[in-house]
N, C-alpha and C. Protein backbone atom coordinates (compact mmCIF):
# COMPACT_ATOMS: atom_id res chain seq x y z
N MET A 1 14.06 1.34 -1.02
CA MET A 1 13.79 2.56 -0.28
C MET A 1 13.60 2.26 1.24
N GLN A 2 14.27 2.96 2.05
CA GLN A 2 14.21 2.70 3.51
C GLN A 2 13.00 3.38 4.06
N ASP A 3 12.63 3.04 5.28
CA ASP A 3 11.49 3.63 5.97
C ASP A 3 11.92 4.94 6.69
N TRP A 4 12.67 5.77 6.05
CA TRP A 4 13.18 6.99 6.67
C TRP A 4 12.02 7.92 7.12
N LEU A 5 10.91 7.84 6.35
CA LEU A 5 9.78 8.77 6.68
C LEU A 5 9.23 8.45 8.08
N GLU A 6 9.28 7.25 8.50
CA GLU A 6 8.73 6.81 9.79
C GLU A 6 9.42 7.42 10.97
N ASP A 7 10.65 7.74 10.80
CA ASP A 7 11.54 8.26 11.98
C ASP A 7 11.61 9.78 11.91
N ARG A 8 11.00 10.49 10.99
CA ARG A 8 11.15 11.94 10.91
C ARG A 8 10.33 12.65 11.91
N PRO A 9 10.90 13.68 12.61
CA PRO A 9 10.17 14.42 13.63
C PRO A 9 9.04 15.26 12.99
N ASP A 10 9.09 15.54 11.72
CA ASP A 10 8.06 16.39 11.14
C ASP A 10 7.06 15.46 10.39
N GLU A 11 6.92 14.30 10.83
CA GLU A 11 5.93 13.30 10.25
C GLU A 11 4.52 13.94 10.38
N ARG A 12 3.77 13.82 9.20
CA ARG A 12 2.45 14.44 9.16
C ARG A 12 1.32 13.41 9.18
N ARG A 13 1.59 12.18 9.27
CA ARG A 13 0.52 11.16 9.30
C ARG A 13 -0.23 11.25 10.69
N ARG A 14 -1.53 11.03 10.59
CA ARG A 14 -2.35 11.06 11.83
C ARG A 14 -2.18 9.76 12.64
N PHE A 15 -1.90 8.66 11.92
CA PHE A 15 -1.74 7.34 12.56
C PHE A 15 -0.41 6.83 12.21
N PRO A 16 0.39 6.29 13.18
CA PRO A 16 1.67 5.74 12.94
C PRO A 16 1.62 4.45 12.15
N ARG A 17 2.55 4.22 11.28
CA ARG A 17 2.51 2.97 10.45
C ARG A 17 3.40 1.90 11.21
N THR A 18 2.92 0.69 11.08
CA THR A 18 3.62 -0.50 11.61
C THR A 18 4.30 -1.21 10.54
N LYS A 19 5.64 -1.45 10.77
CA LYS A 19 6.39 -2.20 9.78
C LYS A 19 5.79 -3.64 9.68
N CYS A 20 5.77 -4.15 8.49
CA CYS A 20 5.28 -5.56 8.29
C CYS A 20 5.89 -6.10 6.96
N PHE A 21 5.55 -7.33 6.69
CA PHE A 21 6.03 -8.01 5.44
C PHE A 21 4.85 -8.95 5.06
N LYS A 22 3.81 -8.40 4.54
CA LYS A 22 2.57 -9.13 4.22
C LYS A 22 2.34 -9.23 2.68
N GLY A 23 2.06 -10.41 2.20
CA GLY A 23 1.74 -10.54 0.82
C GLY A 23 0.36 -10.03 0.52
N ALA A 24 0.25 -9.44 -0.61
CA ALA A 24 -1.09 -8.93 -1.05
C ALA A 24 -1.15 -8.93 -2.59
N LYS A 25 -2.36 -8.67 -3.08
CA LYS A 25 -2.58 -8.58 -4.50
C LYS A 25 -3.33 -7.32 -4.81
N ILE A 26 -2.91 -6.65 -5.87
CA ILE A 26 -3.55 -5.42 -6.38
C ILE A 26 -4.54 -5.81 -7.43
N VAL A 27 -5.75 -5.50 -7.30
CA VAL A 27 -6.81 -5.91 -8.22
C VAL A 27 -7.43 -4.69 -8.78
N ALA A 28 -7.34 -4.51 -10.17
CA ALA A 28 -7.82 -3.35 -10.78
C ALA A 28 -8.83 -3.77 -11.83
N SER A 29 -9.89 -3.01 -11.99
CA SER A 29 -10.95 -3.37 -12.89
C SER A 29 -11.55 -4.73 -12.74
N GLY A 30 -11.44 -5.22 -11.49
CA GLY A 30 -12.03 -6.50 -11.20
C GLY A 30 -11.29 -7.74 -11.67
N HIS A 31 -10.16 -7.51 -12.44
CA HIS A 31 -9.49 -8.71 -12.91
C HIS A 31 -7.95 -8.60 -13.05
N ALA A 32 -7.41 -7.46 -13.28
CA ALA A 32 -5.95 -7.38 -13.39
C ALA A 32 -5.29 -7.52 -12.07
N VAL A 33 -4.42 -8.45 -11.94
CA VAL A 33 -3.77 -8.73 -10.62
C VAL A 33 -2.25 -8.60 -10.66
N VAL A 34 -1.74 -7.90 -9.65
CA VAL A 34 -0.32 -7.71 -9.49
C VAL A 34 -0.02 -8.09 -8.01
N ALA A 35 0.96 -9.00 -7.80
CA ALA A 35 1.37 -9.36 -6.46
C ALA A 35 2.25 -8.24 -5.93
N CYS A 36 2.17 -8.05 -4.62
CA CYS A 36 3.04 -7.01 -3.97
C CYS A 36 3.25 -7.41 -2.55
N ILE A 37 4.16 -6.64 -1.91
CA ILE A 37 4.44 -6.84 -0.48
C ILE A 37 4.02 -5.60 0.27
N VAL A 38 3.22 -5.73 1.36
CA VAL A 38 2.96 -4.54 2.16
C VAL A 38 4.05 -4.43 3.20
N ARG A 39 4.77 -3.33 3.07
CA ARG A 39 5.97 -3.05 3.89
C ARG A 39 5.66 -2.32 5.20
N ASN A 40 4.61 -1.48 5.25
CA ASN A 40 4.09 -0.90 6.47
C ASN A 40 2.66 -0.54 6.26
N VAL A 41 1.91 -0.51 7.37
CA VAL A 41 0.46 -0.24 7.32
C VAL A 41 -0.03 0.56 8.50
N SER A 42 -1.05 1.33 8.31
CA SER A 42 -1.70 2.10 9.40
C SER A 42 -3.17 2.01 9.11
N ALA A 43 -3.98 2.66 9.95
CA ALA A 43 -5.42 2.74 9.79
C ALA A 43 -5.82 3.44 8.51
N GLU A 44 -4.98 4.30 8.01
CA GLU A 44 -5.31 5.09 6.81
C GLU A 44 -4.55 4.71 5.50
N GLY A 45 -3.55 3.92 5.61
CA GLY A 45 -2.84 3.62 4.34
C GLY A 45 -1.72 2.66 4.54
N ALA A 46 -0.91 2.50 3.49
CA ALA A 46 0.17 1.53 3.51
C ALA A 46 1.23 1.95 2.49
N ARG A 47 2.42 1.28 2.63
CA ARG A 47 3.47 1.35 1.61
C ARG A 47 3.59 -0.02 0.98
N LEU A 48 3.44 -0.08 -0.32
CA LEU A 48 3.57 -1.30 -1.06
C LEU A 48 4.91 -1.36 -1.83
N GLU A 49 5.44 -2.56 -1.82
CA GLU A 49 6.66 -2.86 -2.58
C GLU A 49 6.19 -3.68 -3.78
N LEU A 50 6.48 -3.19 -5.04
CA LEU A 50 6.11 -3.89 -6.17
C LEU A 50 7.28 -4.75 -6.74
N PRO A 51 7.02 -5.87 -7.36
CA PRO A 51 8.03 -6.74 -7.82
C PRO A 51 8.79 -6.18 -9.05
N TYR A 52 8.27 -5.29 -9.79
CA TYR A 52 8.80 -4.68 -10.92
C TYR A 52 8.12 -3.36 -11.15
N SER A 53 8.47 -2.67 -12.17
CA SER A 53 7.85 -1.38 -12.53
C SER A 53 6.45 -1.64 -13.14
N ALA A 54 5.57 -2.15 -12.35
CA ALA A 54 4.23 -2.51 -12.81
C ALA A 54 3.39 -1.23 -13.14
N VAL A 55 2.50 -1.30 -14.07
CA VAL A 55 1.61 -0.22 -14.28
C VAL A 55 0.59 -0.28 -13.15
N LEU A 56 0.39 0.84 -12.50
CA LEU A 56 -0.45 0.87 -11.30
C LEU A 56 -1.53 1.97 -11.55
N PRO A 57 -2.77 1.56 -11.50
CA PRO A 57 -3.81 2.55 -11.72
C PRO A 57 -3.92 3.44 -10.48
N GLY A 58 -4.54 4.62 -10.59
CA GLY A 58 -4.68 5.52 -9.50
C GLY A 58 -5.53 5.01 -8.33
N VAL A 59 -6.50 4.16 -8.65
CA VAL A 59 -7.44 3.55 -7.69
C VAL A 59 -7.48 2.09 -7.95
N PHE A 60 -7.44 1.28 -6.90
CA PHE A 60 -7.46 -0.17 -7.06
C PHE A 60 -7.92 -0.84 -5.71
N ASP A 61 -8.22 -2.06 -5.73
CA ASP A 61 -8.45 -2.84 -4.50
C ASP A 61 -7.20 -3.54 -4.15
N LEU A 62 -6.94 -3.62 -2.80
CA LEU A 62 -5.80 -4.40 -2.25
C LEU A 62 -6.32 -5.50 -1.47
N CYS A 63 -6.04 -6.77 -1.81
CA CYS A 63 -6.47 -7.97 -1.20
C CYS A 63 -5.27 -8.59 -0.44
N PHE A 64 -5.32 -8.68 0.86
CA PHE A 64 -4.26 -9.26 1.64
C PHE A 64 -4.35 -10.74 1.47
N ASP A 65 -3.18 -11.43 1.37
CA ASP A 65 -3.03 -12.87 1.22
C ASP A 65 -3.63 -13.58 2.50
N SER A 66 -3.68 -12.90 3.62
CA SER A 66 -4.17 -13.52 4.83
C SER A 66 -5.65 -13.77 4.83
N GLY A 67 -6.33 -13.16 3.78
CA GLY A 67 -7.78 -13.43 3.62
C GLY A 67 -8.63 -12.34 4.31
N SER A 68 -7.99 -11.31 4.91
CA SER A 68 -8.75 -10.27 5.46
C SER A 68 -9.47 -9.48 4.33
N ARG A 69 -10.42 -8.70 4.67
CA ARG A 69 -11.16 -8.01 3.60
C ARG A 69 -10.35 -7.17 2.74
N LYS A 70 -10.84 -6.91 1.50
CA LYS A 70 -10.02 -6.10 0.62
C LYS A 70 -10.28 -4.59 0.91
N ARG A 71 -9.32 -3.79 0.55
CA ARG A 71 -9.40 -2.39 0.87
C ARG A 71 -9.27 -1.62 -0.48
N GLN A 72 -10.14 -0.66 -0.67
CA GLN A 72 -10.01 0.28 -1.82
C GLN A 72 -8.91 1.24 -1.53
N CYS A 73 -8.01 1.42 -2.43
CA CYS A 73 -6.81 2.23 -2.33
C CYS A 73 -6.81 3.39 -3.38
N LYS A 74 -6.12 4.46 -2.98
CA LYS A 74 -5.80 5.58 -3.88
C LYS A 74 -4.33 5.80 -3.78
N VAL A 75 -3.62 5.86 -4.91
CA VAL A 75 -2.17 6.05 -4.91
C VAL A 75 -1.89 7.52 -4.50
N MET A 76 -1.00 7.72 -3.48
CA MET A 76 -0.73 9.05 -3.03
C MET A 76 0.74 9.49 -3.51
N TRP A 77 1.67 8.50 -3.70
CA TRP A 77 2.94 8.68 -4.21
C TRP A 77 3.45 7.44 -4.87
N ARG A 78 4.47 7.58 -5.70
CA ARG A 78 4.91 6.41 -6.44
C ARG A 78 6.41 6.55 -6.81
N THR A 79 7.19 5.47 -6.70
CA THR A 79 8.53 5.37 -7.25
C THR A 79 8.48 4.22 -8.17
N SER A 80 9.62 3.80 -8.75
CA SER A 80 9.63 2.71 -9.71
C SER A 80 9.24 1.41 -9.04
N ARG A 81 9.57 1.22 -7.73
CA ARG A 81 9.28 -0.12 -7.10
C ARG A 81 8.36 0.02 -5.84
N ASP A 82 7.95 1.19 -5.47
CA ASP A 82 7.22 1.43 -4.24
C ASP A 82 6.02 2.37 -4.49
N ALA A 83 5.00 2.24 -3.61
CA ALA A 83 3.88 3.12 -3.76
C ALA A 83 3.29 3.34 -2.40
N GLY A 84 2.85 4.53 -2.09
CA GLY A 84 2.18 4.86 -0.89
C GLY A 84 0.73 5.01 -1.23
N VAL A 85 -0.11 4.30 -0.44
CA VAL A 85 -1.54 4.34 -0.79
C VAL A 85 -2.37 4.78 0.50
N TRP A 86 -3.50 5.37 0.16
CA TRP A 86 -4.46 5.80 1.19
C TRP A 86 -5.64 4.87 1.05
N PHE A 87 -6.15 4.40 2.16
CA PHE A 87 -7.32 3.53 2.19
C PHE A 87 -8.58 4.45 2.06
N ALA A 88 -9.33 4.29 0.96
CA ALA A 88 -10.48 5.10 0.70
C ALA A 88 -11.58 4.80 1.69
N GLN A 89 -11.69 3.55 2.13
CA GLN A 89 -12.69 3.14 3.07
C GLN A 89 -11.99 2.70 4.35
N GLN A 90 -12.39 3.28 5.46
CA GLN A 90 -11.75 2.90 6.75
C GLN A 90 -12.16 1.52 7.22
N ALA A 91 -11.30 0.81 7.86
CA ALA A 91 -11.59 -0.56 8.37
C ALA A 91 -12.63 -0.52 9.47
């Protein structure tokens, strides 16, 4: 899926997203881990690329491979290989 949302004139996000390619892990219930790629990020959320049609809970922690703090996320939309998440706690 391309980043066509980022170039739309009717974009509704309060904060623009920055394209990136960062490794991260989805941690649910404290132990289930799924590796993913963060494709874009803003102060309020991100778009995640999943390696396969992984089962994704509605709420989870996202831990960036860079070691920065983990973020609690809520899934806002989902396709078979992508998910848009909102950061429940602001940085």
